Amino acid sequence: YSQVVVDVRGTGFSQGEWDMLRAREQQDTLEVI
């Protein structure tokens, strides 16, 4: 298996402002998938 561990936006080394499970972060998840 391969595994991808991603910092959500606004946390870790990712850019942006943390969106705390809201619409933009959910869209990010779909785009990462």
ModelCIF file with pLDDT and N, C-alpha, C, O atoms, coordinates in Angstrom:
data_MODEL
#
_entry.id   MODEL 
#
_entity.id                         1 
_entity.type                       polymer 
_entity.pdbx_number_of_molecules   1 
#
_entity_poly.entity_id                      1 
_entity_poly.type                           'polypeptide(L)' 
_entity_poly.nstd_linkage                   no 
_entity_poly.nstd_monomer                   no 
_entity_poly.pdbx_seq_one_letter_code       YSQVVVDVRGTGFSQGEWDMLRAREQQDTLEVI 
_entity_poly.pdbx_seq_one_letter_code_can   YSQVVVDVRGTGFSQGEWDMLRAREQQDTLEVI 
_entity_poly.pdbx_strand_id                 A 
#
loop_
_entity_poly_seq.entity_id 
_entity_poly_seq.num 
_entity_poly_seq.mon_id 
_entity_poly_seq.hetero 
1 1  TYR n 
1 2  SER n 
1 3  GLN n 
1 4  VAL n 
1 5  VAL n 
1 6  VAL n 
1 7  ASP n 
1 8  VAL n 
1 9  ARG n 
1 10 GLY n 
1 11 THR n 
1 12 GLY n 
1 13 PHE n 
1 14 SER n 
1 15 GLN n 
1 16 GLY n 
1 17 GLU n 
1 18 TRP n 
1 19 ASP n 
1 20 MET n 
1 21 LEU n 
1 22 ARG n 
1 23 ALA n 
1 24 ARG n 
1 25 GLU n 
1 26 GLN n 
1 27 GLN n 
1 28 ASP n 
1 29 THR n 
1 30 LEU n 
1 31 GLU n 
1 32 VAL n 
1 33 ILE n 
#
_struct_asym.id          A 
_struct_asym.entity_id   1 
#
loop_
_ma_qa_metric.id 
_ma_qa_metric.mode 
_ma_qa_metric.name 
_ma_qa_metric.software_group_id 
_ma_qa_metric.type 
1 global pLDDT . pLDDT 
2 local  pLDDT . pLDDT 
#
_ma_qa_metric_global.metric_id      1 
_ma_qa_metric_global.metric_value   97.21 
_ma_qa_metric_global.model_id       1 
_ma_qa_metric_global.ordinal_id     1 
#
loop_
_ma_qa_metric_local.label_asym_id 
_ma_qa_metric_local.label_comp_id 
_ma_qa_metric_local.label_seq_id 
_ma_qa_metric_local.metric_id 
_ma_qa_metric_local.metric_value 
_ma_qa_metric_local.model_id 
_ma_qa_metric_local.ordinal_id 
A TYR 1  2 98.00 1 1  
A SER 2  2 98.00 1 2  
A GLN 3  2 97.00 1 3  
A VAL 4  2 97.00 1 4  
A VAL 5  2 96.00 1 5  
A VAL 6  2 97.00 1 6  
A ASP 7  2 97.00 1 7  
A VAL 8  2 98.00 1 8  
A ARG 9  2 98.00 1 9  
A GLY 10 2 98.00 1 10 
A THR 11 2 97.00 1 11 
A GLY 12 2 96.00 1 12 
A PHE 13 2 96.00 1 13 
A SER 14 2 98.00 1 14 
A GLN 15 2 98.00 1 15 
A GLY 16 2 98.00 1 16 
A GLU 17 2 97.00 1 17 
A TRP 18 2 97.00 1 18 
A ASP 19 2 96.00 1 19 
A MET 20 2 95.00 1 20 
A LEU 21 2 95.00 1 21 
A ARG 22 2 95.00 1 22 
A ALA 23 2 96.00 1 23 
A ARG 24 2 98.00 1 24 
A GLU 25 2 98.00 1 25 
A GLN 26 2 98.00 1 26 
A GLN 27 2 98.00 1 27 
A ASP 28 2 98.00 1 28 
A THR 29 2 98.00 1 29 
A LEU 30 2 98.00 1 30 
A GLU 31 2 98.00 1 31 
A VAL 32 2 98.00 1 32 
A ILE 33 2 98.00 1 33 
#
loop_
_atom_site.group_PDB 
_atom_site.id 
_atom_site.type_symbol 
_atom_site.label_atom_id 
_atom_site.label_alt_id 
_atom_site.label_comp_id 
_atom_site.label_asym_id 
_atom_site.label_entity_id 
_atom_site.label_seq_id 
_atom_site.pdbx_PDB_ins_code 
_atom_site.Cartn_x 
_atom_site.Cartn_y 
_atom_site.Cartn_z 
_atom_site.occupancy 
_atom_site.B_iso_or_equiv 
_atom_site.pdbx_formal_charge 
_atom_site.auth_seq_id 
_atom_site.auth_comp_id 
_atom_site.auth_asym_id 
_atom_site.auth_atom_id 
_atom_site.pdbx_PDB_model_num 
ATOM 1   N N  . TYR A 1 1  ? 0.856   -1.180 0.000  1.00 98.00 ? 1  TYR A N  1 
ATOM 2   C CA . TYR A 1 1  ? 0.000   0.000  0.000  1.00 98.00 ? 1  TYR A CA 1 
ATOM 3   C C  . TYR A 1 1  ? 0.898   1.238  0.000  1.00 98.00 ? 1  TYR A C  1 
ATOM 4   O O  . TYR A 1 1  ? 2.021   1.205  0.503  1.00 98.00 ? 1  TYR A O  1 
ATOM 5   N N  . SER A 1 2  ? 0.389   2.317  -0.566 1.00 98.00 ? 2  SER A N  1 
ATOM 6   C CA . SER A 1 2  ? 1.006   3.626  -0.365 1.00 98.00 ? 2  SER A CA 1 
ATOM 7   C C  . SER A 1 2  ? 0.158   4.387  0.650  1.00 98.00 ? 2  SER A C  1 
ATOM 8   O O  . SER A 1 2  ? -1.034  4.116  0.794  1.00 98.00 ? 2  SER A O  1 
ATOM 9   N N  . GLN A 1 3  ? 0.768   5.329  1.346  1.00 97.00 ? 3  GLN A N  1 
ATOM 10  C CA . GLN A 1 3  ? 0.013   6.158  2.279  1.00 97.00 ? 3  GLN A CA 1 
ATOM 11  C C  . GLN A 1 3  ? 0.433   7.608  2.110  1.00 97.00 ? 3  GLN A C  1 
ATOM 12  O O  . GLN A 1 3  ? 1.611   7.916  1.930  1.00 97.00 ? 3  GLN A O  1 
ATOM 13  N N  . VAL A 1 4  ? -0.561  8.496  2.170  1.00 97.00 ? 4  VAL A N  1 
ATOM 14  C CA . VAL A 1 4  ? -0.333  9.930  2.071  1.00 97.00 ? 4  VAL A CA 1 
ATOM 15  C C  . VAL A 1 4  ? -0.873  10.579 3.338  1.00 97.00 ? 4  VAL A C  1 
ATOM 16  O O  . VAL A 1 4  ? -2.058  10.458 3.648  1.00 97.00 ? 4  VAL A O  1 
ATOM 17  N N  . VAL A 1 5  ? 0.003   11.273 4.074  1.00 96.00 ? 5  VAL A N  1 
ATOM 18  C CA . VAL A 1 5  ? -0.399  12.001 5.281  1.00 96.00 ? 5  VAL A CA 1 
ATOM 19  C C  . VAL A 1 5  ? -0.242  13.488 4.995  1.00 96.00 ? 5  VAL A C  1 
ATOM 20  O O  . VAL A 1 5  ? 0.863   13.955 4.717  1.00 96.00 ? 5  VAL A O  1 
ATOM 21  N N  . VAL A 1 6  ? -1.342  14.235 5.062  1.00 97.00 ? 6  VAL A N  1 
ATOM 22  C CA . VAL A 1 6  ? -1.375  15.630 4.620  1.00 97.00 ? 6  VAL A CA 1 
ATOM 23  C C  . VAL A 1 6  ? -1.782  16.543 5.769  1.00 97.00 ? 6  VAL A C  1 
ATOM 24  O O  . VAL A 1 6  ? -2.740  16.260 6.489  1.00 97.00 ? 6  VAL A O  1 
ATOM 25  N N  . ASP A 1 7  ? -1.043  17.647 5.937  1.00 97.00 ? 7  ASP A N  1 
ATOM 26  C CA . ASP A 1 7  ? -1.456  18.698 6.867  1.00 97.00 ? 7  ASP A CA 1 
ATOM 27  C C  . ASP A 1 7  ? -2.629  19.460 6.260  1.00 97.00 ? 7  ASP A C  1 
ATOM 28  O O  . ASP A 1 7  ? -2.518  19.970 5.145  1.00 97.00 ? 7  ASP A O  1 
ATOM 29  N N  . VAL A 1 8  ? -3.760  19.548 6.979  1.00 98.00 ? 8  VAL A N  1 
ATOM 30  C CA . VAL A 1 8  ? -4.876  20.335 6.455  1.00 98.00 ? 8  VAL A CA 1 
ATOM 31  C C  . VAL A 1 8  ? -4.451  21.798 6.371  1.00 98.00 ? 8  VAL A C  1 
ATOM 32  O O  . VAL A 1 8  ? -3.535  22.228 7.071  1.00 98.00 ? 8  VAL A O  1 
ATOM 33  N N  . ARG A 1 9  ? -5.112  22.544 5.524  1.00 98.00 ? 9  ARG A N  1 
ATOM 34  C CA . ARG A 1 9  ? -4.718  23.936 5.294  1.00 98.00 ? 9  ARG A CA 1 
ATOM 35  C C  . ARG A 1 9  ? -4.660  24.713 6.620  1.00 98.00 ? 9  ARG A C  1 
ATOM 36  O O  . ARG A 1 9  ? -5.499  24.552 7.506  1.00 98.00 ? 9  ARG A O  1 
ATOM 37  N N  . GLY A 1 10 ? -3.630  25.557 6.706  1.00 98.00 ? 10 GLY A N  1 
ATOM 38  C CA . GLY A 1 10 ? -3.472  26.383 7.892  1.00 98.00 ? 10 GLY A CA 1 
ATOM 39  C C  . GLY A 1 10 ? -2.833  25.679 9.066  1.00 98.00 ? 10 GLY A C  1 
ATOM 40  O O  . GLY A 1 10 ? -2.715  26.272 10.139 1.00 98.00 ? 10 GLY A O  1 
ATOM 41  N N  . THR A 1 11 ? -2.407  24.413 8.900  1.00 97.00 ? 11 THR A N  1 
ATOM 42  C CA . THR A 1 11 ? -1.732  23.678 9.970  1.00 97.00 ? 11 THR A CA 1 
ATOM 43  C C  . THR A 1 11 ? -0.477  23.034 9.405  1.00 97.00 ? 11 THR A C  1 
ATOM 44  O O  . THR A 1 11 ? -0.314  22.928 8.189  1.00 97.00 ? 11 THR A O  1 
ATOM 45  N N  . GLY A 1 12 ? 0.412   22.604 10.300 1.00 96.00 ? 12 GLY A N  1 
ATOM 46  C CA . GLY A 1 12 ? 1.639   21.964 9.847  1.00 96.00 ? 12 GLY A CA 1 
ATOM 47  C C  . GLY A 1 12 ? 2.414   22.843 8.883  1.00 96.00 ? 12 GLY A C  1 
ATOM 48  O O  . GLY A 1 12 ? 2.611   24.031 9.140  1.00 96.00 ? 12 GLY A O  1 
ATOM 49  N N  . PHE A 1 13 ? 2.853   22.263 7.772  1.00 96.00 ? 13 PHE A N  1 
ATOM 50  C CA . PHE A 1 13 ? 3.610   23.011 6.770  1.00 96.00 ? 13 PHE A CA 1 
ATOM 51  C C  . PHE A 1 13 ? 2.732   23.472 5.612  1.00 96.00 ? 13 PHE A C  1 
ATOM 52  O O  . PHE A 1 13 ? 3.245   23.999 4.625  1.00 96.00 ? 13 PHE A O  1 
ATOM 53  N N  . SER A 1 14 ? 1.413   23.281 5.717  1.00 98.00 ? 14 SER A N  1 
ATOM 54  C CA . SER A 1 14 ? 0.504   23.683 4.634  1.00 98.00 ? 14 SER A CA 1 
ATOM 55  C C  . SER A 1 14 ? 0.176   25.171 4.728  1.00 98.00 ? 14 SER A C  1 
ATOM 56  O O  . SER A 1 14 ? 0.103   25.742 5.817  1.00 98.00 ? 14 SER A O  1 
ATOM 57  N N  . GLN A 1 15 ? -0.016  25.774 3.577  1.00 98.00 ? 15 GLN A N  1 
ATOM 58  C CA . GLN A 1 15 ? -0.404  27.179 3.516  1.00 98.00 ? 15 GLN A CA 1 
ATOM 59  C C  . GLN A 1 15 ? -1.876  27.341 3.893  1.00 98.00 ? 15 GLN A C  1 
ATOM 60  O O  . GLN A 1 15 ? -2.596  26.367 4.113  1.00 98.00 ? 15 GLN A O  1 
ATOM 61  N N  . GLY A 1 16 ? -2.299  28.615 3.959  1.00 98.00 ? 16 GLY A N  1 
ATOM 62  C CA . GLY A 1 16 ? -3.709  28.923 4.161  1.00 98.00 ? 16 GLY A CA 1 
ATOM 63  C C  . GLY A 1 16 ? -4.075  29.160 5.611  1.00 98.00 ? 16 GLY A C  1 
ATOM 64  O O  . GLY A 1 16 ? -3.226  29.123 6.502  1.00 98.00 ? 16 GLY A O  1 
ATOM 65  N N  . GLU A 1 17 ? -5.359  29.405 5.829  1.00 97.00 ? 17 GLU A N  1 
ATOM 66  C CA . GLU A 1 17 ? -5.912  29.606 7.167  1.00 97.00 ? 17 GLU A CA 1 
ATOM 67  C C  . GLU A 1 17 ? -6.721  28.382 7.546  1.00 97.00 ? 17 GLU A C  1 
ATOM 68  O O  . GLU A 1 17 ? -7.540  27.895 6.766  1.00 97.00 ? 17 GLU A O  1 
ATOM 69  N N  . TRP A 1 18 ? -6.483  27.890 8.751  1.00 97.00 ? 18 TRP A N  1 
ATOM 70  C CA . TRP A 1 18 ? -7.176  26.692 9.222  1.00 97.00 ? 18 TRP A CA 1 
ATOM 71  C C  . TRP A 1 18 ? -8.689  26.888 9.141  1.00 97.00 ? 18 TRP A C  1 
ATOM 72  O O  . TRP A 1 18 ? -9.220  27.891 9.617  1.00 97.00 ? 18 TRP A O  1 
ATOM 73  N N  . ASP A 1 19 ? -9.379  25.916 8.532  1.00 96.00 ? 19 ASP A N  1 
ATOM 74  C CA . ASP A 1 19 ? -10.819 26.034 8.295  1.00 96.00 ? 19 ASP A CA 1 
ATOM 75  C C  . ASP A 1 19 ? -11.643 25.115 9.198  1.00 96.00 ? 19 ASP A C  1 
ATOM 76  O O  . ASP A 1 19 ? -12.872 25.130 9.125  1.00 96.00 ? 19 ASP A O  1 
ATOM 77  N N  . MET A 1 20 ? -11.002 24.331 10.033 1.00 95.00 ? 20 MET A N  1 
ATOM 78  C CA . MET A 1 20 ? -11.637 23.479 11.049 1.00 95.00 ? 20 MET A CA 1 
ATOM 79  C C  . MET A 1 20 ? -12.858 22.721 10.534 1.00 95.00 ? 20 MET A C  1 
ATOM 80  O O  . MET A 1 20 ? -13.981 22.952 10.982 1.00 95.00 ? 20 MET A O  1 
ATOM 81  N N  . LEU A 1 21 ? -12.624 21.814 9.588  1.00 95.00 ? 21 LEU A N  1 
ATOM 82  C CA . LEU A 1 21 ? -13.620 20.859 9.110  1.00 95.00 ? 21 LEU A CA 1 
ATOM 83  C C  . LEU A 1 21 ? -14.761 21.507 8.329  1.00 95.00 ? 21 LEU A C  1 
ATOM 84  O O  . LEU A 1 21 ? -15.783 20.864 8.089  1.00 95.00 ? 21 LEU A O  1 
ATOM 85  N N  . ARG A 1 22 ? -14.604 22.759 7.933  1.00 95.00 ? 22 ARG A N  1 
ATOM 86  C CA . ARG A 1 22 ? -15.677 23.442 7.214  1.00 95.00 ? 22 ARG A CA 1 
ATOM 87  C C  . ARG A 1 22 ? -15.551 23.220 5.705  1.00 95.00 ? 22 ARG A C  1 
ATOM 88  O O  . ARG A 1 22 ? -14.760 22.393 5.253  1.00 95.00 ? 22 ARG A O  1 
ATOM 89  N N  . ALA A 1 23 ? -16.339 23.968 4.939  1.00 96.00 ? 23 ALA A N  1 
ATOM 90  C CA . ALA A 1 23 ? -16.538 23.675 3.521  1.00 96.00 ? 23 ALA A CA 1 
ATOM 91  C C  . ALA A 1 23 ? -15.241 23.649 2.723  1.00 96.00 ? 23 ALA A C  1 
ATOM 92  O O  . ALA A 1 23 ? -15.034 22.740 1.919  1.00 96.00 ? 23 ALA A O  1 
ATOM 93  N N  . ARG A 1 24 ? -14.347 24.650 2.932  1.00 98.00 ? 24 ARG A N  1 
ATOM 94  C CA . ARG A 1 24 ? -13.134 24.699 2.124  1.00 98.00 ? 24 ARG A CA 1 
ATOM 95  C C  . ARG A 1 24 ? -12.227 23.504 2.441  1.00 98.00 ? 24 ARG A C  1 
ATOM 96  O O  . ARG A 1 24 ? -11.624 22.920 1.540  1.00 98.00 ? 24 ARG A O  1 
ATOM 97  N N  . GLU A 1 25 ? -12.137 23.149 3.716  1.00 98.00 ? 25 GLU A N  1 
ATOM 98  C CA . GLU A 1 25 ? -11.318 21.995 4.080  1.00 98.00 ? 25 GLU A CA 1 
ATOM 99  C C  . GLU A 1 25 ? -11.909 20.706 3.510  1.00 98.00 ? 25 GLU A C  1 
ATOM 100 O O  . GLU A 1 25 ? -11.169 19.821 3.081  1.00 98.00 ? 25 GLU A O  1 
ATOM 101 N N  . GLN A 1 26 ? -13.231 20.597 3.504  1.00 98.00 ? 26 GLN A N  1 
ATOM 102 C CA . GLN A 1 26 ? -13.854 19.415 2.919  1.00 98.00 ? 26 GLN A CA 1 
ATOM 103 C C  . GLN A 1 26 ? -13.565 19.329 1.418  1.00 98.00 ? 26 GLN A C  1 
ATOM 104 O O  . GLN A 1 26 ? -13.347 18.244 0.880  1.00 98.00 ? 26 GLN A O  1 
ATOM 105 N N  . GLN A 1 27 ? -13.567 20.488 0.749  1.00 98.00 ? 27 GLN A N  1 
ATOM 106 C CA . GLN A 1 27 ? -13.221 20.503 -0.667 1.00 98.00 ? 27 GLN A CA 1 
ATOM 107 C C  . GLN A 1 27 ? -11.763 20.090 -0.866 1.00 98.00 ? 27 GLN A C  1 
ATOM 108 O O  . GLN A 1 27 ? -11.446 19.364 -1.808 1.00 98.00 ? 27 GLN A O  1 
ATOM 109 N N  . ASP A 1 28 ? -10.880 20.549 0.017  1.00 98.00 ? 28 ASP A N  1 
ATOM 110 C CA . ASP A 1 28 ? -9.477  20.133 -0.043 1.00 98.00 ? 28 ASP A CA 1 
ATOM 111 C C  . ASP A 1 28 ? -9.357  18.613 0.030  1.00 98.00 ? 28 ASP A C  1 
ATOM 112 O O  . ASP A 1 28 ? -8.588  18.004 -0.714 1.00 98.00 ? 28 ASP A O  1 
ATOM 113 N N  . THR A 1 29 ? -10.125 18.008 0.934  1.00 98.00 ? 29 THR A N  1 
ATOM 114 C CA . THR A 1 29 ? -10.053 16.555 1.103  1.00 98.00 ? 29 THR A CA 1 
ATOM 115 C C  . THR A 1 29 ? -10.407 15.833 -0.192 1.00 98.00 ? 29 THR A C  1 
ATOM 116 O O  . THR A 1 29 ? -9.731  14.884 -0.590 1.00 98.00 ? 29 THR A O  1 
ATOM 117 N N  . LEU A 1 30 ? -11.462 16.288 -0.837 1.00 98.00 ? 30 LEU A N  1 
ATOM 118 C CA . LEU A 1 30 ? -11.852 15.670 -2.108 1.00 98.00 ? 30 LEU A CA 1 
ATOM 119 C C  . LEU A 1 30 ? -10.750 15.842 -3.149 1.00 98.00 ? 30 LEU A C  1 
ATOM 120 O O  . LEU A 1 30 ? -10.491 14.929 -3.932 1.00 98.00 ? 30 LEU A O  1 
ATOM 121 N N  . GLU A 1 31 ? -10.106 16.994 -3.165 1.00 98.00 ? 31 GLU A N  1 
ATOM 122 C CA . GLU A 1 31 ? -9.056  17.241 -4.141 1.00 98.00 ? 31 GLU A CA 1 
ATOM 123 C C  . GLU A 1 31 ? -7.804  16.417 -3.838 1.00 98.00 ? 31 GLU A C  1 
ATOM 124 O O  . GLU A 1 31 ? -7.119  15.976 -4.761 1.00 98.00 ? 31 GLU A O  1 
ATOM 125 N N  . VAL A 1 32 ? -7.502  16.207 -2.566 1.00 98.00 ? 32 VAL A N  1 
ATOM 126 C CA . VAL A 1 32 ? -6.368  15.352 -2.206 1.00 98.00 ? 32 VAL A CA 1 
ATOM 127 C C  . VAL A 1 32 ? -6.649  13.910 -2.625 1.00 98.00 ? 32 VAL A C  1 
ATOM 128 O O  . VAL A 1 32 ? -5.765  13.236 -3.155 1.00 98.00 ? 32 VAL A O  1 
ATOM 129 N N  . ILE A 1 33 ? -7.876  13.431 -2.390 1.00 98.00 ? 33 ILE A N  1 
ATOM 130 C CA . ILE A 1 33 ? -8.241  12.075 -2.819 1.00 98.00 ? 33 ILE A CA 1 
ATOM 131 C C  . ILE A 1 33 ? -8.067  11.931 -4.325 1.00 98.00 ? 33 ILE A C  1 
ATOM 132 O O  . ILE A 1 33 ? -8.324  10.861 -4.877 1.00 98.00 ? 33 ILE A O  1 
#
